[in-house]
Protein backbone atom coordinates (compact mmCIF):
# COMPACT_ATOMS: atom_id res chain seq x y z
CA MET A 1 10.29 -16.51 -24.05
CA SER A 2 6.65 -15.39 -24.04
CA ASP A 3 5.37 -12.28 -25.80
CA ALA A 4 5.03 -10.49 -22.44
CA GLN A 5 8.61 -11.33 -21.50
CA ALA A 6 9.84 -10.30 -24.94
CA GLY A 7 8.01 -6.98 -24.42
CA GLY A 8 9.85 -6.51 -21.15
CA GLN A 9 6.81 -6.60 -18.87
CA TYR A 10 5.04 -8.81 -16.37
CA VAL A 11 1.91 -8.54 -14.23
CA ALA A 12 2.35 -8.29 -10.46
CA GLU A 13 -0.52 -9.71 -8.38
CA PHE A 14 -0.71 -8.67 -4.72
CA ILE A 15 -2.24 -11.58 -2.82
CA ASP A 16 -2.54 -10.11 0.68
CA GLY A 17 -1.87 -7.04 2.80
CA PRO A 18 -3.18 -3.55 2.10
CA LEU A 19 -2.96 -4.02 -1.68
CA GLU A 20 -4.68 -7.42 -1.73
CA GLY A 21 -6.38 -8.06 -5.07
CA ASP A 22 -4.50 -5.33 -6.93
CA PHE A 23 -2.68 -6.01 -10.19
CA GLU A 24 0.03 -3.88 -11.78
CA ARG A 25 1.95 -4.16 -15.03
CA ARG A 26 5.68 -3.80 -14.26
CA ALA A 27 8.91 -3.79 -16.26
CA LEU A 28 11.25 -6.75 -16.19
CA VAL A 29 14.62 -5.91 -14.63
CA GLY A 30 17.53 -7.55 -16.43
CA GLY A 31 14.98 -9.70 -18.28
CA LYS A 32 13.47 -11.05 -15.03
CA PRO A 33 10.67 -10.05 -12.67
CA GLU A 34 11.62 -8.40 -9.41
CA LYS A 35 11.94 -10.55 -6.28
CA ARG A 36 10.85 -7.68 -4.01
CA VAL A 37 8.85 -4.52 -4.70
CA GLY A 38 8.08 -1.44 -2.67
CA MET A 39 4.66 0.10 -3.23
CA VAL A 40 3.47 3.50 -2.01
CA ALA A 41 -0.23 3.75 -1.25
CA ALA A 42 -2.49 6.03 0.74
CA VAL A 43 -4.20 4.45 3.74
CA ASP A 44 -6.64 6.69 5.62
CA GLY A 45 -5.14 9.69 3.79
CA LEU A 46 -1.54 8.89 4.77
CA GLU A 47 1.04 7.70 2.25
CA SER A 48 2.70 4.49 3.38
CA LEU A 49 5.44 2.27 1.95
CA PHE A 50 4.55 -1.40 1.66
CA TRP A 51 7.06 -4.13 0.81
CA TYR A 52 6.04 -7.27 -1.07
CA ASP A 53 8.10 -10.40 -1.84
CA ALA A 54 7.62 -12.65 -4.88
CA VAL A 55 6.28 -16.09 -3.98
CA ASP A 56 5.78 -17.68 -7.40
CA GLU A 57 5.42 -16.97 -11.10
CA ARG A 58 3.46 -18.52 -13.94
CA THR A 59 2.54 -17.83 -17.53
CA VAL A 60 -1.14 -17.20 -18.28
CA GLY A 61 -1.71 -17.21 -22.03
CA SER A 62 1.36 -15.31 -23.19
CA GLU A 63 1.55 -13.14 -20.07
CA LEU A 64 4.05 -13.64 -17.22
CA ARG A 65 2.36 -13.21 -13.82
CA VAL A 66 4.13 -12.99 -10.47
CA ARG A 67 2.33 -13.27 -7.12
CA PHE A 68 3.60 -11.11 -4.25
CA ARG A 69 3.09 -11.56 -0.50
CA PHE A 70 2.99 -8.64 1.98
CA ASP A 71 6.01 -8.17 4.28
CA ALA A 72 4.46 -6.45 7.32
CA ASP A 73 7.73 -6.37 9.29
CA ASP A 74 9.52 -4.17 6.74
CA SER A 75 6.49 -2.07 5.74
CA ASP A 76 5.16 1.11 7.32
CA PRO A 77 2.77 0.29 10.15
CA VAL A 78 -0.93 0.47 9.35
CA GLU A 79 -4.09 -0.71 10.98
CA PHE A 80 -4.65 -3.82 8.91
CA ASP A 81 -7.10 -6.51 9.93
CA GLU A 82 -5.99 -9.89 8.54
CA ASP A 83 -9.38 -11.41 9.47
CA ASP A 84 -11.11 -9.15 6.94
CA ASN A 85 -8.90 -10.44 4.13
CA ASP A 86 -9.30 -14.21 4.20
């Protein structure tokens, strides 16, 4: 178990959607990273709920990192241009 896992944390990396490029330190749940996270963020002054699903995990140095992909179908609707985020 890495130092990050022993400390009960991991780093979530949001790879697309409205939170693309954001990172967040999160607590392990039952010793494991979450498979799905809900994130609240303001878009054009409105709070919206965005759902993200884990796609893979890796250890960087001693830190556990999990990449999350945006689930547009289950998230609040927003004007989001995929072409601007390639």
